[in-house]
Amino acid sequence: MKVTRREFVGALAGGAASFAATRNVTAMQITQPVVGPPMQQDAYRPVKLEARAGAGPSMTAEQRDDLEHDIKCQCGCVLDIYTCRTTDFTCGVSPAMHTDVMGLVAGGFGAQEILNAFQAVYGEQVLMAPLRQGFNWVGYLMPFAALITGGVTIAALIRRWGARGKLHASAPIPALDATPAEMEALQAAIRDDR
């Protein structure tokens, strides 16, 4: 289930209001919650390419919005530019980046070309997911390697514990070297304990 930033902040504010009401705090004493690091409104850098001659829009508005989910807003938040511009109306960076995306779409550029243009200006950190190349593969493959290693380790432990249980179950019971008189005394002690 996806939760938008607006819904999250609304729930946070609702929770703060409920908490304040239970503590008999007036609404005037509630301060605005801090959500993440301060915005860096000067982080915007233009991403422009010369429009292709006679080119029309390369994608629909829905496809453009999907593309914006792959580009991270550079204001200091952790949101993509679509989510940031539609939920945080104090951010000036995401609307400017959105304008650049619209200009590139109108210029006839495809999704990968637009991502490459943003990466050329901002670097790889502008992408919501790292590129699948070089050392980044460690981040993609490590969770699977950890799961496989954990599964093999658990299977080996279960096998070892099962073998140990069988070994103890099949071990012979040591013979008692007791005389008949000692056995009779032991049985009498057991009867008396009951």
N, C-alpha and C. Protein backbone atom coordinates (compact mmCIF):
# COMPACT_ATOMS: atom_id res chain seq x y z
N MET A 1 0.84 -1.17 0.00
CA MET A 1 0.00 0.00 0.00
C MET A 1 0.88 1.23 0.00
N LYS A 2 0.72 2.10 -0.99
CA LYS A 2 1.49 3.33 -1.06
C LYS A 2 0.79 4.41 -0.23
N VAL A 3 1.57 5.17 0.49
CA VAL A 3 1.06 6.28 1.27
C VAL A 3 1.74 7.54 0.72
N THR A 4 0.95 8.50 0.34
CA THR A 4 1.51 9.73 -0.17
C THR A 4 2.05 10.57 0.97
N ARG A 5 2.89 11.49 0.64
CA ARG A 5 3.47 12.37 1.65
C ARG A 5 2.38 13.18 2.35
N ARG A 6 1.40 13.62 1.59
CA ARG A 6 0.29 14.39 2.16
C ARG A 6 -0.48 13.54 3.17
N GLU A 7 -0.76 12.25 2.83
CA GLU A 7 -1.46 11.37 3.75
C GLU A 7 -0.63 11.13 5.01
N PHE A 8 0.69 10.95 4.82
CA PHE A 8 1.58 10.70 5.96
C PHE A 8 1.60 11.91 6.90
N VAL A 9 1.77 13.10 6.34
CA VAL A 9 1.80 14.30 7.17
C VAL A 9 0.45 14.52 7.82
N GLY A 10 -0.64 14.24 7.10
CA GLY A 10 -1.98 14.37 7.67
C GLY A 10 -2.17 13.42 8.84
N ALA A 11 -1.72 12.18 8.68
CA ALA A 11 -1.84 11.20 9.76
C ALA A 11 -0.97 11.61 10.94
N LEU A 12 0.22 12.13 10.65
CA LEU A 12 1.12 12.60 11.70
C LEU A 12 0.49 13.76 12.46
N ALA A 13 -0.09 14.70 11.73
CA ALA A 13 -0.74 15.85 12.37
C ALA A 13 -1.97 15.39 13.15
N GLY A 14 -2.73 14.44 12.62
CA GLY A 14 -3.89 13.90 13.33
C GLY A 14 -3.47 13.21 14.62
N GLY A 15 -2.37 12.46 14.54
CA GLY A 15 -1.85 11.80 15.74
C GLY A 15 -1.39 12.81 16.77
N ALA A 16 -0.73 13.88 16.31
CA ALA A 16 -0.28 14.93 17.23
C ALA A 16 -1.47 15.62 17.87
N ALA A 17 -2.53 15.85 17.09
CA ALA A 17 -3.72 16.51 17.63
C ALA A 17 -4.39 15.61 18.67
N SER A 18 -4.46 14.31 18.39
CA SER A 18 -5.05 13.37 19.36
C SER A 18 -4.24 13.33 20.64
N PHE A 19 -2.92 13.29 20.48
CA PHE A 19 -2.04 13.27 21.65
C PHE A 19 -2.22 14.55 22.47
N ALA A 20 -2.28 15.68 21.78
CA ALA A 20 -2.44 16.96 22.48
C ALA A 20 -3.77 17.02 23.20
N ALA A 21 -4.82 16.48 22.59
CA ALA A 21 -6.13 16.51 23.22
C ALA A 21 -6.14 15.66 24.48
N THR A 22 -5.43 14.54 24.46
CA THR A 22 -5.41 13.69 25.65
C THR A 22 -4.57 14.31 26.77
N ARG A 23 -3.68 15.17 26.44
CA ARG A 23 -2.82 15.82 27.43
C ARG A 23 -3.32 17.21 27.83
N ASN A 24 -4.52 17.57 27.39
CA ASN A 24 -5.11 18.88 27.68
C ASN A 24 -4.23 20.03 27.22
N VAL A 25 -3.66 19.87 26.04
CA VAL A 25 -2.82 20.91 25.46
C VAL A 25 -3.68 21.65 24.45
N THR A 26 -3.64 22.95 24.47
CA THR A 26 -4.43 23.71 23.51
C THR A 26 -3.82 23.59 22.12
N ALA A 27 -4.64 23.81 21.12
CA ALA A 27 -4.19 23.71 19.73
C ALA A 27 -3.12 24.75 19.41
N MET A 28 -3.10 25.83 20.14
CA MET A 28 -2.11 26.87 19.87
C MET A 28 -0.71 26.44 20.29
N GLN A 29 -0.60 25.45 21.18
CA GLN A 29 0.69 25.00 21.66
C GLN A 29 1.31 23.94 20.76
N ILE A 30 0.54 23.38 19.82
CA ILE A 30 1.06 22.36 18.93
C ILE A 30 1.89 23.04 17.85
N THR A 31 3.12 22.58 17.67
CA THR A 31 3.97 23.14 16.63
C THR A 31 3.98 22.21 15.44
N GLN A 32 4.35 22.74 14.30
CA GLN A 32 4.39 21.94 13.08
C GLN A 32 5.51 20.91 13.20
N PRO A 33 5.22 19.61 12.91
CA PRO A 33 6.26 18.58 13.03
C PRO A 33 7.30 18.75 11.93
N VAL A 34 8.53 18.41 12.26
CA VAL A 34 9.62 18.45 11.30
C VAL A 34 9.61 17.12 10.57
N VAL A 35 9.49 17.13 9.26
CA VAL A 35 9.45 15.91 8.46
C VAL A 35 10.68 15.92 7.56
N GLY A 36 11.73 15.26 7.99
CA GLY A 36 12.94 15.13 7.19
C GLY A 36 13.85 16.34 7.30
N PRO A 37 14.93 16.32 6.53
CA PRO A 37 15.90 17.41 6.57
C PRO A 37 15.36 18.67 5.91
N PRO A 38 15.95 19.81 6.20
CA PRO A 38 15.48 21.04 5.58
C PRO A 38 15.67 20.99 4.06
N MET A 39 14.75 21.65 3.35
CA MET A 39 14.82 21.63 1.89
C MET A 39 15.95 22.51 1.39
N GLN A 40 16.54 22.06 0.32
CA GLN A 40 17.61 22.81 -0.34
C GLN A 40 17.02 23.38 -1.63
N GLN A 41 16.39 24.53 -1.50
CA GLN A 41 15.69 25.14 -2.63
C GLN A 41 16.65 25.56 -3.75
N ASP A 42 17.95 25.67 -3.45
CA ASP A 42 18.91 26.07 -4.47
C ASP A 42 19.53 24.85 -5.17
N ALA A 43 18.99 23.65 -4.96
CA ALA A 43 19.56 22.43 -5.53
C ALA A 43 19.18 22.24 -7.00
N TYR A 44 18.25 23.02 -7.50
CA TYR A 44 17.80 22.85 -8.89
C TYR A 44 18.87 23.29 -9.87
N ARG A 45 19.08 22.47 -10.90
CA ARG A 45 19.94 22.80 -12.04
C ARG A 45 19.17 22.46 -13.31
N PRO A 46 19.10 23.35 -14.27
CA PRO A 46 18.31 23.09 -15.48
C PRO A 46 18.82 21.89 -16.28
N VAL A 47 17.88 21.12 -16.80
CA VAL A 47 18.18 19.99 -17.67
C VAL A 47 17.50 20.29 -19.00
N LYS A 48 18.28 20.73 -19.95
CA LYS A 48 17.73 21.15 -21.25
C LYS A 48 18.48 20.43 -22.37
N LEU A 49 17.75 20.07 -23.40
CA LEU A 49 18.31 19.54 -24.64
C LEU A 49 17.59 20.22 -25.79
N GLU A 50 18.29 20.42 -26.90
CA GLU A 50 17.66 21.00 -28.08
C GLU A 50 16.58 20.07 -28.59
N ALA A 51 15.39 20.60 -28.80
CA ALA A 51 14.28 19.80 -29.29
C ALA A 51 14.60 19.26 -30.68
N ARG A 52 14.16 18.06 -30.95
CA ARG A 52 14.37 17.46 -32.25
C ARG A 52 13.47 18.15 -33.26
N ALA A 53 13.98 18.33 -34.46
CA ALA A 53 13.23 19.02 -35.50
C ALA A 53 11.95 18.26 -35.84
N GLY A 54 10.82 18.94 -35.77
CA GLY A 54 9.54 18.36 -36.13
C GLY A 54 9.04 17.29 -35.16
N ALA A 55 9.67 17.18 -33.99
CA ALA A 55 9.28 16.15 -33.03
C ALA A 55 8.06 16.59 -32.24
N GLY A 56 7.21 15.64 -31.95
CA GLY A 56 6.07 15.88 -31.08
C GLY A 56 6.34 15.23 -29.74
N PRO A 57 5.38 15.31 -28.84
CA PRO A 57 5.56 14.69 -27.53
C PRO A 57 5.86 13.20 -27.68
N SER A 58 6.84 12.72 -26.92
CA SER A 58 7.29 11.34 -27.03
C SER A 58 6.49 10.38 -26.16
N MET A 59 5.63 10.92 -25.27
CA MET A 59 4.85 10.04 -24.39
C MET A 59 3.61 10.76 -23.89
N THR A 60 2.71 9.98 -23.36
CA THR A 60 1.48 10.56 -22.80
C THR A 60 1.77 11.15 -21.42
N ALA A 61 0.80 11.88 -20.89
CA ALA A 61 0.97 12.47 -19.55
C ALA A 61 1.13 11.36 -18.50
N GLU A 62 0.42 10.26 -18.67
CA GLU A 62 0.54 9.14 -17.72
C GLU A 62 1.93 8.51 -17.79
N GLN A 63 2.45 8.32 -18.99
CA GLN A 63 3.79 7.77 -19.14
C GLN A 63 4.83 8.73 -18.57
N ARG A 64 4.62 10.04 -18.77
CA ARG A 64 5.53 11.04 -18.20
C ARG A 64 5.52 10.98 -16.67
N ASP A 65 4.31 10.84 -16.09
CA ASP A 65 4.23 10.74 -14.63
C ASP A 65 4.93 9.48 -14.13
N ASP A 66 4.80 8.37 -14.86
CA ASP A 66 5.52 7.15 -14.48
C ASP A 66 7.03 7.36 -14.54
N LEU A 67 7.48 8.08 -15.55
CA LEU A 67 8.91 8.40 -15.68
C LEU A 67 9.37 9.24 -14.50
N GLU A 68 8.54 10.18 -14.06
CA GLU A 68 8.92 11.05 -12.94
C GLU A 68 9.06 10.27 -11.63
N HIS A 69 8.46 9.09 -11.56
CA HIS A 69 8.65 8.24 -10.37
C HIS A 69 10.05 7.65 -10.32
N ASP A 70 10.79 7.71 -11.43
CA ASP A 70 12.15 7.18 -11.48
C ASP A 70 13.21 8.26 -11.23
N ILE A 71 12.79 9.51 -11.09
CA ILE A 71 13.73 10.62 -10.91
C ILE A 71 13.53 11.19 -9.51
N LYS A 72 14.61 11.25 -8.76
CA LYS A 72 14.55 11.72 -7.37
C LYS A 72 14.61 13.23 -7.31
N CYS A 73 13.73 13.82 -6.49
CA CYS A 73 13.76 15.26 -6.27
C CYS A 73 15.06 15.60 -5.54
N GLN A 74 15.66 16.70 -5.89
CA GLN A 74 16.96 17.08 -5.32
C GLN A 74 16.85 18.10 -4.19
N CYS A 75 15.65 18.30 -3.65
CA CYS A 75 15.47 19.29 -2.59
C CYS A 75 15.98 18.81 -1.24
N GLY A 76 16.35 17.55 -1.15
CA GLY A 76 16.81 17.00 0.12
C GLY A 76 15.86 15.97 0.68
N CYS A 77 14.68 15.84 0.08
CA CYS A 77 13.74 14.81 0.54
C CYS A 77 14.12 13.49 -0.14
N VAL A 78 13.40 12.45 0.16
CA VAL A 78 13.69 11.14 -0.43
C VAL A 78 12.62 10.73 -1.44
N LEU A 79 11.84 11.70 -1.91
CA LEU A 79 10.73 11.41 -2.81
C LEU A 79 11.14 11.59 -4.27
N ASP A 80 10.37 10.93 -5.15
CA ASP A 80 10.54 11.17 -6.57
C ASP A 80 9.88 12.50 -6.91
N ILE A 81 10.18 13.05 -8.09
CA ILE A 81 9.68 14.40 -8.38
C ILE A 81 8.17 14.44 -8.55
N TYR A 82 7.57 13.36 -9.01
CA TYR A 82 6.10 13.36 -9.14
C TYR A 82 5.46 13.47 -7.76
N THR A 83 5.87 12.62 -6.84
CA THR A 83 5.29 12.61 -5.50
C THR A 83 5.58 13.91 -4.77
N CYS A 84 6.80 14.40 -4.88
CA CYS A 84 7.17 15.63 -4.18
C CYS A 84 6.36 16.82 -4.70
N ARG A 85 6.23 16.93 -6.00
CA ARG A 85 5.53 18.10 -6.55
C ARG A 85 4.03 18.05 -6.32
N THR A 86 3.48 16.85 -6.13
CA THR A 86 2.03 16.74 -5.94
C THR A 86 1.62 16.69 -4.48
N THR A 87 2.58 16.61 -3.56
CA THR A 87 2.22 16.54 -2.14
C THR A 87 2.87 17.62 -1.30
N ASP A 88 4.02 18.12 -1.70
CA ASP A 88 4.72 19.12 -0.89
C ASP A 88 4.74 20.43 -1.66
N PHE A 89 3.81 21.29 -1.32
CA PHE A 89 3.66 22.51 -2.10
C PHE A 89 4.64 23.61 -1.68
N THR A 90 5.53 23.31 -0.74
CA THR A 90 6.56 24.28 -0.38
C THR A 90 7.84 24.03 -1.15
N CYS A 91 7.92 22.91 -1.86
CA CYS A 91 9.13 22.58 -2.62
C CYS A 91 9.12 23.32 -3.95
N GLY A 92 10.20 24.01 -4.22
CA GLY A 92 10.33 24.69 -5.50
C GLY A 92 11.17 23.92 -6.49
N VAL A 93 11.85 22.87 -6.02
CA VAL A 93 12.75 22.10 -6.89
C VAL A 93 11.97 21.14 -7.78
N SER A 94 11.04 20.37 -7.20
CA SER A 94 10.33 19.37 -8.00
C SER A 94 9.49 19.97 -9.12
N PRO A 95 8.79 21.11 -8.91
CA PRO A 95 8.08 21.69 -10.05
C PRO A 95 9.02 22.13 -11.18
N ALA A 96 10.19 22.63 -10.81
CA ALA A 96 11.16 23.03 -11.84
C ALA A 96 11.68 21.82 -12.60
N MET A 97 11.94 20.73 -11.88
CA MET A 97 12.39 19.50 -12.54
C MET A 97 11.27 18.93 -13.42
N HIS A 98 10.04 19.04 -12.96
CA HIS A 98 8.89 18.59 -13.75
C HIS A 98 8.80 19.40 -15.05
N THR A 99 9.04 20.69 -14.97
CA THR A 99 9.02 21.53 -16.17
C THR A 99 10.08 21.07 -17.16
N ASP A 100 11.26 20.69 -16.64
CA ASP A 100 12.33 20.17 -17.52
C ASP A 100 11.89 18.86 -18.18
N VAL A 101 11.25 17.98 -17.42
CA VAL A 101 10.78 16.71 -17.99
C VAL A 101 9.76 16.99 -19.08
N MET A 102 8.81 17.91 -18.82
CA MET A 102 7.80 18.23 -19.83
C MET A 102 8.46 18.79 -21.09
N GLY A 103 9.49 19.63 -20.93
CA GLY A 103 10.19 20.18 -22.08
C GLY A 103 10.90 19.11 -22.88
N LEU A 104 11.51 18.15 -22.20
CA LEU A 104 12.19 17.06 -22.90
C LEU A 104 11.21 16.14 -23.60
N VAL A 105 10.06 15.88 -22.97
CA VAL A 105 9.02 15.07 -23.60
C VAL A 105 8.50 15.77 -24.85
N ALA A 106 8.24 17.08 -24.73
CA ALA A 106 7.75 17.86 -25.87
C ALA A 106 8.79 17.92 -26.98
N GLY A 107 10.08 17.83 -26.61
CA GLY A 107 11.15 17.85 -27.60
C GLY A 107 11.36 16.53 -28.30
N GLY A 108 10.56 15.50 -27.96
CA GLY A 108 10.64 14.23 -28.67
C GLY A 108 11.59 13.23 -28.07
N PHE A 109 12.07 13.45 -26.85
CA PHE A 109 13.03 12.53 -26.24
C PHE A 109 12.30 11.41 -25.50
N GLY A 110 12.87 10.19 -25.58
CA GLY A 110 12.29 9.02 -24.92
C GLY A 110 12.67 8.98 -23.45
N ALA A 111 12.11 8.01 -22.76
CA ALA A 111 12.31 7.89 -21.32
C ALA A 111 13.79 7.72 -20.95
N GLN A 112 14.49 6.81 -21.63
CA GLN A 112 15.90 6.58 -21.30
C GLN A 112 16.76 7.80 -21.61
N GLU A 113 16.44 8.50 -22.69
CA GLU A 113 17.19 9.71 -23.02
C GLU A 113 16.98 10.79 -21.96
N ILE A 114 15.77 10.89 -21.44
CA ILE A 114 15.48 11.87 -20.40
C ILE A 114 16.22 11.50 -19.12
N LEU A 115 16.20 10.22 -18.75
CA LEU A 115 16.94 9.78 -17.57
C LEU A 115 18.43 10.05 -17.73
N ASN A 116 18.96 9.80 -18.92
CA ASN A 116 20.38 10.07 -19.18
C ASN A 116 20.70 11.55 -19.06
N ALA A 117 19.78 12.41 -19.54
CA ALA A 117 20.00 13.86 -19.46
C ALA A 117 20.03 14.31 -17.99
N PHE A 118 19.11 13.82 -17.19
CA PHE A 118 19.11 14.17 -15.77
C PHE A 118 20.35 13.64 -15.06
N GLN A 119 20.76 12.43 -15.43
CA GLN A 119 21.96 11.85 -14.83
C GLN A 119 23.21 12.64 -15.23
N ALA A 120 23.24 13.16 -16.45
CA ALA A 120 24.39 13.95 -16.88
C ALA A 120 24.51 15.24 -16.06
N VAL A 121 23.39 15.81 -15.64
CA VAL A 121 23.41 17.06 -14.88
C VAL A 121 23.62 16.81 -13.39
N TYR A 122 22.89 15.86 -12.81
CA TYR A 122 22.89 15.65 -11.36
C TYR A 122 23.76 14.49 -10.89
N GLY A 123 24.11 13.60 -11.79
CA GLY A 123 24.84 12.40 -11.38
C GLY A 123 23.87 11.27 -11.10
N GLU A 124 24.41 10.12 -10.72
CA GLU A 124 23.59 8.93 -10.52
C GLU A 124 22.62 9.08 -9.35
N GLN A 125 22.89 9.98 -8.40
CA GLN A 125 22.01 10.13 -7.25
C GLN A 125 20.64 10.67 -7.63
N VAL A 126 20.44 11.13 -8.86
CA VAL A 126 19.13 11.61 -9.29
C VAL A 126 18.17 10.46 -9.60
N LEU A 127 18.71 9.26 -9.74
CA LEU A 127 17.88 8.09 -10.04
C LEU A 127 17.35 7.49 -8.73
N MET A 128 16.11 7.05 -8.74
CA MET A 128 15.52 6.45 -7.55
C MET A 128 16.12 5.08 -7.25
N ALA A 129 16.64 4.39 -8.25
CA ALA A 129 17.31 3.10 -8.06
C ALA A 129 18.68 3.18 -8.75
N PRO A 130 19.71 2.63 -8.12
CA PRO A 130 21.04 2.69 -8.75
C PRO A 130 21.08 1.88 -10.05
N LEU A 131 21.99 2.27 -10.93
CA LEU A 131 22.15 1.55 -12.19
C LEU A 131 22.65 0.14 -11.91
N ARG A 132 22.25 -0.79 -12.74
CA ARG A 132 22.68 -2.18 -12.58
C ARG A 132 23.98 -2.39 -13.35
N GLN A 133 25.04 -1.88 -12.75
CA GLN A 133 26.36 -2.02 -13.35
C GLN A 133 27.41 -1.87 -12.27
N GLY A 134 28.57 -2.42 -12.51
CA GLY A 134 29.70 -2.27 -11.60
C GLY A 134 29.39 -2.74 -10.18
N PHE A 135 29.86 -1.95 -9.22
CA PHE A 135 29.71 -2.30 -7.81
C PHE A 135 28.26 -2.28 -7.35
N ASN A 136 27.38 -1.59 -8.07
CA ASN A 136 25.96 -1.55 -7.70
C ASN A 136 25.33 -2.93 -7.68
N TRP A 137 25.91 -3.88 -8.44
CA TRP A 137 25.36 -5.24 -8.44
C TRP A 137 25.41 -5.85 -7.04
N VAL A 138 26.36 -5.43 -6.22
CA VAL A 138 26.44 -5.94 -4.85
C VAL A 138 25.13 -5.63 -4.12
N GLY A 139 24.62 -4.43 -4.28
CA GLY A 139 23.37 -4.04 -3.63
C GLY A 139 22.18 -4.82 -4.14
N TYR A 140 22.20 -5.19 -5.40
CA TYR A 140 21.09 -5.96 -5.96
C TYR A 140 21.18 -7.44 -5.58
N LEU A 141 22.39 -7.99 -5.51
CA LEU A 141 22.56 -9.43 -5.30
C LEU A 141 22.75 -9.83 -3.84
N MET A 142 23.23 -8.91 -3.00
CA MET A 142 23.53 -9.26 -1.61
C MET A 142 22.32 -9.79 -0.84
N PRO A 143 21.13 -9.21 -0.96
CA PRO A 143 19.99 -9.78 -0.22
C PRO A 143 19.71 -11.23 -0.60
N PHE A 144 19.81 -11.56 -1.87
CA PHE A 144 19.56 -12.92 -2.31
C PHE A 144 20.65 -13.86 -1.80
N ALA A 145 21.90 -13.39 -1.84
CA ALA A 145 23.01 -14.21 -1.33
C ALA A 145 22.84 -14.46 0.16
N ALA A 146 22.41 -13.44 0.90
CA ALA A 146 22.19 -13.61 2.35
C ALA A 146 21.06 -14.59 2.62
N LEU A 147 19.97 -14.51 1.84
CA LEU A 147 18.86 -15.45 2.02
C LEU A 147 19.28 -16.89 1.72
N ILE A 148 20.02 -17.08 0.64
CA ILE A 148 20.46 -18.42 0.27
C ILE A 148 21.42 -18.96 1.32
N THR A 149 22.38 -18.15 1.78
CA THR A 149 23.32 -18.59 2.80
C THR A 149 22.60 -18.93 4.10
N GLY A 150 21.64 -18.10 4.48
CA GLY A 150 20.87 -18.37 5.69
C GLY A 150 20.07 -19.65 5.56
N GLY A 151 19.45 -19.88 4.40
CA GLY A 151 18.67 -21.09 4.18
C GLY A 151 19.54 -22.35 4.24
N VAL A 152 20.72 -22.29 3.62
CA VAL A 152 21.63 -23.45 3.64
C VAL A 152 22.10 -23.71 5.08
N THR A 153 22.41 -22.65 5.81
CA THR A 153 22.86 -22.80 7.20
C THR A 153 21.77 -23.41 8.07
N ILE A 154 20.56 -22.93 7.94
CA ILE A 154 19.45 -23.47 8.73
C ILE A 154 19.19 -24.93 8.36
N ALA A 155 19.22 -25.26 7.07
CA ALA A 155 19.02 -26.65 6.65
C ALA A 155 20.10 -27.56 7.22
N ALA A 156 21.35 -27.10 7.23
CA ALA A 156 22.45 -27.90 7.79
C ALA A 156 22.26 -28.09 9.29
N LEU A 157 21.84 -27.05 10.00
CA LEU A 157 21.61 -27.17 11.44
C LEU A 157 20.48 -28.14 11.74
N ILE A 158 19.40 -28.05 10.98
CA ILE A 158 18.27 -28.96 11.20
C ILE A 158 18.69 -30.40 10.95
N ARG A 159 19.47 -30.61 9.90
CA ARG A 159 19.96 -31.95 9.61
C ARG A 159 20.85 -32.47 10.74
N ARG A 160 21.73 -31.62 11.24
CA ARG A 160 22.64 -32.01 12.32
C ARG A 160 21.84 -32.32 13.60
N TRP A 161 20.86 -31.48 13.93
CA TRP A 161 20.06 -31.71 15.13
C TRP A 161 19.24 -33.00 15.00
N GLY A 162 18.72 -33.25 13.80
CA GLY A 162 17.98 -34.49 13.57
C GLY A 162 18.86 -35.71 13.73
N ALA A 163 20.08 -35.65 13.20
CA ALA A 163 21.01 -36.77 13.32
C ALA A 163 21.41 -36.98 14.77
N ARG A 164 21.60 -35.89 15.50
CA ARG A 164 21.97 -35.99 16.91
C ARG A 164 20.83 -36.61 17.71
N GLY A 165 19.58 -36.26 17.38
CA GLY A 165 18.43 -36.83 18.07
C GLY A 165 18.31 -38.32 17.81
N LYS A 166 18.57 -38.75 16.58
CA LYS A 166 18.53 -40.18 16.24
C LYS A 166 19.63 -40.93 16.97
N LEU A 167 20.80 -40.30 17.10
CA LEU A 167 21.92 -40.93 17.77
C LEU A 167 21.59 -41.17 19.24
N HIS A 168 20.98 -40.16 19.88
CA HIS A 168 20.62 -40.31 21.29
C HIS A 168 19.48 -41.31 21.47
N ALA A 169 18.56 -41.37 20.54
CA ALA A 169 17.43 -42.28 20.65
C ALA A 169 17.86 -43.73 20.47
N SER A 170 18.88 -43.97 19.65
CA SER A 170 19.31 -45.34 19.38
C SER A 170 20.44 -45.79 20.30
N ALA A 171 20.90 -44.93 21.19
CA ALA A 171 21.99 -45.31 22.10
C ALA A 171 21.47 -46.36 23.09
N PRO A 172 22.27 -47.39 23.33
CA PRO A 172 21.83 -48.44 24.25
C PRO A 172 21.79 -47.91 25.70
N ILE A 173 20.85 -48.44 26.44
CA ILE A 173 20.75 -48.07 27.84
C ILE A 173 21.78 -48.89 28.60
N PRO A 174 22.58 -48.25 29.40
CA PRO A 174 23.62 -49.02 30.10
C PRO A 174 22.99 -50.02 31.07
N ALA A 175 23.62 -51.18 31.15
CA ALA A 175 23.12 -52.24 32.03
C ALA A 175 23.39 -51.86 33.48
N LEU A 176 22.44 -52.21 34.34
CA LEU A 176 22.60 -51.95 35.76
C LEU A 176 23.25 -53.17 36.41
N ASP A 177 24.27 -52.94 37.15
CA ASP A 177 24.92 -54.03 37.88
C ASP A 177 24.43 -53.99 39.32
N ALA A 178 23.17 -54.29 39.48
CA ALA A 178 22.58 -54.26 40.82
C ALA A 178 22.20 -55.68 41.23
N THR A 179 22.34 -55.91 42.47
CA THR A 179 21.96 -57.21 43.00
C THR A 179 20.45 -57.24 43.19
N PRO A 180 19.85 -58.42 43.32
CA PRO A 180 18.41 -58.50 43.53
C PRO A 180 17.97 -57.75 44.79
N ALA A 181 18.78 -57.71 45.80
CA ALA A 181 18.42 -56.99 47.03
C ALA A 181 18.40 -55.48 46.78
N GLU A 182 19.35 -54.99 46.00
CA GLU A 182 19.38 -53.56 45.68
C GLU A 182 18.20 -53.17 44.80
N MET A 183 17.81 -54.04 43.90
CA MET A 183 16.66 -53.78 43.03
C MET A 183 15.38 -53.75 43.86
N GLU A 184 15.27 -54.66 44.83
CA GLU A 184 14.10 -54.69 45.71
C GLU A 184 14.04 -53.40 46.53
N ALA A 185 15.18 -52.89 47.00
CA ALA A 185 15.22 -51.66 47.79
C ALA A 185 14.83 -50.46 46.93
N LEU A 186 15.27 -50.47 45.69
CA LEU A 186 14.93 -49.37 44.77
C LEU A 186 13.44 -49.35 44.48
N GLN A 187 12.84 -50.52 44.24
CA GLN A 187 11.40 -50.58 43.99
C GLN A 187 10.60 -50.15 45.23
N ALA A 188 11.08 -50.50 46.39
CA ALA A 188 10.39 -50.10 47.64
C ALA A 188 10.46 -48.57 47.80
N ALA A 189 11.61 -47.99 47.43
CA ALA A 189 11.77 -46.52 47.53
C ALA A 189 10.82 -45.82 46.55
N ILE A 190 10.66 -46.41 45.40
CA ILE A 190 9.76 -45.81 44.39
C ILE A 190 8.31 -45.90 44.90
N ARG A 191 7.93 -47.02 45.48
CA ARG A 191 6.57 -47.17 46.03
C ARG A 191 6.33 -46.17 47.15
N ASP A 192 7.29 -45.94 47.99
CA ASP A 192 7.15 -45.02 49.11
C ASP A 192 7.04 -43.58 48.64
N ASP A 193 7.64 -43.24 47.51
CA ASP A 193 7.59 -41.86 46.96
C ASP A 193 6.22 -41.49 46.46
N ARG A 194 5.45 -42.45 46.09
CA ARG A 194 4.13 -42.16 45.51
C ARG A 194 3.22 -41.63 46.49
